[in-house]
N, C-alpha and C. Protein backbone atom coordinates (compact mmCIF):
# COMPACT_ATOMS: atom_id res chain seq x y z
N MET A 1 105.83 105.58 74.40
CA MET A 1 106.34 105.28 75.14
C MET A 1 106.18 104.32 75.86
N LEU A 2 105.25 104.38 76.40
CA LEU A 2 104.58 103.06 76.33
C LEU A 2 104.20 101.97 75.32
N PHE A 3 103.45 102.36 74.02
CA PHE A 3 104.06 101.30 73.03
C PHE A 3 104.93 100.91 72.21
N ASP A 4 106.36 102.20 72.49
CA ASP A 4 107.55 101.14 72.29
C ASP A 4 108.29 100.23 73.40
N MET A 5 107.63 100.11 74.43
CA MET A 5 107.97 99.47 75.46
C MET A 5 107.36 97.94 74.91
N LEU A 6 106.27 98.11 74.81
CA LEU A 6 105.21 96.78 74.67
C LEU A 6 105.31 96.30 73.19
N ASN A 7 106.59 96.80 72.31
CA ASN A 7 106.69 96.53 71.16
C ASN A 7 108.38 96.51 70.98
N SER A 8 109.26 96.03 71.85
CA SER A 8 110.34 95.22 72.41
C SER A 8 109.85 94.16 73.09
N MET A 9 108.80 93.55 73.95
CA MET A 9 108.52 92.52 74.83
C MET A 9 108.25 91.45 73.56
N ARG A 10 108.78 89.87 74.30
CA ARG A 10 108.53 89.62 73.75
C ARG A 10 107.61 88.51 74.40
N GLY A 11 106.78 87.37 73.96
CA GLY A 11 105.96 86.31 74.57
C GLY A 11 106.95 85.92 75.77
N PRO A 12 107.96 85.39 76.41
CA PRO A 12 108.11 84.91 77.43
C PRO A 12 108.49 85.96 78.13
N GLU A 13 108.77 87.31 77.08
CA GLU A 13 109.25 88.49 79.14
C GLU A 13 107.92 89.25 79.22
N ILE A 14 106.94 88.17 79.16
CA ILE A 14 105.18 88.67 79.41
C ILE A 14 104.94 88.03 80.20
N GLU A 15 105.21 86.65 79.87
CA GLU A 15 104.91 85.33 80.46
C GLU A 15 105.58 85.54 81.88
N ASN A 16 106.26 86.25 82.13
CA ASN A 16 107.21 86.00 83.18
C ASN A 16 107.23 86.95 83.91
N MET A 17 106.36 88.23 83.82
CA MET A 17 106.41 89.08 84.90
C MET A 17 105.51 88.66 85.81
N THR A 18 104.97 88.82 86.98
CA THR A 18 104.57 88.90 88.05
C THR A 18 103.41 89.22 88.07
N THR A 19 102.35 88.93 88.35
CA THR A 19 100.92 89.40 88.69
C THR A 19 101.01 90.57 88.31
N SER A 20 101.43 92.09 89.68
CA SER A 20 101.52 92.56 90.10
C SER A 20 101.91 93.31 88.46
N ASP A 21 103.14 92.97 88.23
CA ASP A 21 103.65 93.75 87.64
C ASP A 21 102.82 93.90 85.66
N GLY A 22 102.40 92.70 85.26
CA GLY A 22 101.08 92.28 84.50
C GLY A 22 100.11 93.08 84.09
N LEU A 23 99.92 93.04 85.39
CA LEU A 23 98.71 94.20 85.99
C LEU A 23 98.36 95.56 85.55
N ARG A 24 99.84 96.59 85.88
CA ARG A 24 100.57 96.99 85.98
C ARG A 24 100.46 97.81 84.38
N THR A 25 101.29 97.07 83.55
CA THR A 25 101.27 97.20 82.03
C THR A 25 100.20 96.91 81.55
N ARG A 26 98.96 95.74 81.97
CA ARG A 26 97.67 96.52 81.20
C ARG A 26 97.04 97.42 81.45
N GLU A 27 96.98 98.07 82.69
CA GLU A 27 96.49 98.92 83.61
C GLU A 27 96.60 100.55 82.73
N ALA A 28 98.63 100.27 82.59
CA ALA A 28 98.89 101.56 81.70
C ALA A 28 98.20 101.61 79.90
N LEU A 29 98.73 99.84 79.39
CA LEU A 29 97.74 100.16 77.59
C LEU A 29 96.25 100.64 77.71
N TRP A 30 95.57 99.58 78.70
CA TRP A 30 94.68 100.46 78.49
C TRP A 30 94.32 101.88 78.80
N GLY A 31 94.29 102.34 79.89
CA GLY A 31 94.53 104.11 80.16
C GLY A 31 94.93 104.88 78.95
N ALA A 32 95.90 104.44 77.87
CA ALA A 32 96.73 105.34 76.88
C ALA A 32 95.84 104.99 75.96
N ILE A 33 94.99 103.83 75.92
CA ILE A 33 94.00 103.16 74.88
C ILE A 33 92.33 104.05 75.19
N CYS A 34 92.48 104.27 76.34
CA CYS A 34 90.94 104.70 76.51
C CYS A 34 90.80 106.55 76.25
N HIS A 35 92.87 107.06 76.44
CA HIS A 35 92.18 108.23 76.08
C HIS A 35 92.51 108.92 74.73
N ASP A 36 93.23 107.81 73.83
CA ASP A 36 93.39 107.71 72.67
C ASP A 36 92.24 108.52 71.59
N SER A 37 92.14 109.77 71.38
CA SER A 37 90.84 110.65 70.82
C SER A 37 90.47 110.17 69.60
N ALA A 38 91.23 108.82 68.61
CA ALA A 38 90.85 108.80 67.87
C ALA A 38 90.31 107.34 67.62
N GLU A 39 88.91 107.05 67.50
CA GLU A 39 88.90 105.94 67.50
C GLU A 39 88.42 105.69 65.97
N PRO A 40 89.02 103.85 66.35
CA PRO A 40 88.46 103.34 64.71
C PRO A 40 86.89 103.19 64.08
N ASP A 41 86.63 103.47 62.92
CA ASP A 41 85.56 103.14 62.65
C ASP A 41 84.85 101.50 62.88
N SER A 42 83.61 101.22 62.43
CA SER A 42 83.06 100.57 63.24
C SER A 42 83.72 98.97 62.16
N PRO A 43 83.40 97.80 62.12
CA PRO A 43 83.02 96.72 60.91
C PRO A 43 82.16 96.99 60.32
N ARG A 44 81.64 96.69 58.71
CA ARG A 44 80.39 97.18 58.11
C ARG A 44 79.64 96.20 58.99
N TRP A 45 80.09 95.09 59.60
CA TRP A 45 79.55 93.93 59.59
C TRP A 45 78.18 93.97 61.28
N HIS A 46 79.38 95.02 62.26
CA HIS A 46 78.56 95.43 63.43
C HIS A 46 77.50 96.30 63.07
N GLU A 47 77.50 96.63 61.94
CA GLU A 47 75.79 97.52 61.27
C GLU A 47 75.10 96.84 60.63
N GLU A 48 74.85 95.74 60.22
CA GLU A 48 74.61 94.32 59.67
C GLU A 48 73.89 93.32 60.81
N ILE A 49 75.07 93.54 61.63
CA ILE A 49 74.28 92.59 63.07
C ILE A 49 73.56 93.35 63.74
N LEU A 50 73.25 94.84 63.46
CA LEU A 50 72.13 95.52 64.49
C LEU A 50 71.22 95.10 63.56
N ARG A 51 71.84 95.99 62.62
CA ARG A 51 70.40 95.89 61.86
C ARG A 51 69.30 94.38 61.67
N GLU A 52 69.57 93.59 61.83
CA GLU A 52 68.99 92.13 61.88
C GLU A 52 68.83 91.88 63.29
N ARG A 53 68.92 92.68 64.06
CA ARG A 53 67.96 92.61 65.81
C ARG A 53 67.12 93.32 65.96
N ARG A 54 67.14 94.26 64.77
CA ARG A 54 65.75 95.51 65.26
C ARG A 54 64.13 95.03 65.06
């Protein structure tokens, strides 16, 4: 539901949000992302950088 709402929003709608509405929207989005159990795989270059730093 949240993602459907965000997908329907356009740049001007987001830009014209009040500060508190924008923060509430970001908090809701972040909450949805944090509770998603499917984590994406790290890009290959992450592993390469970590190896170089050891």
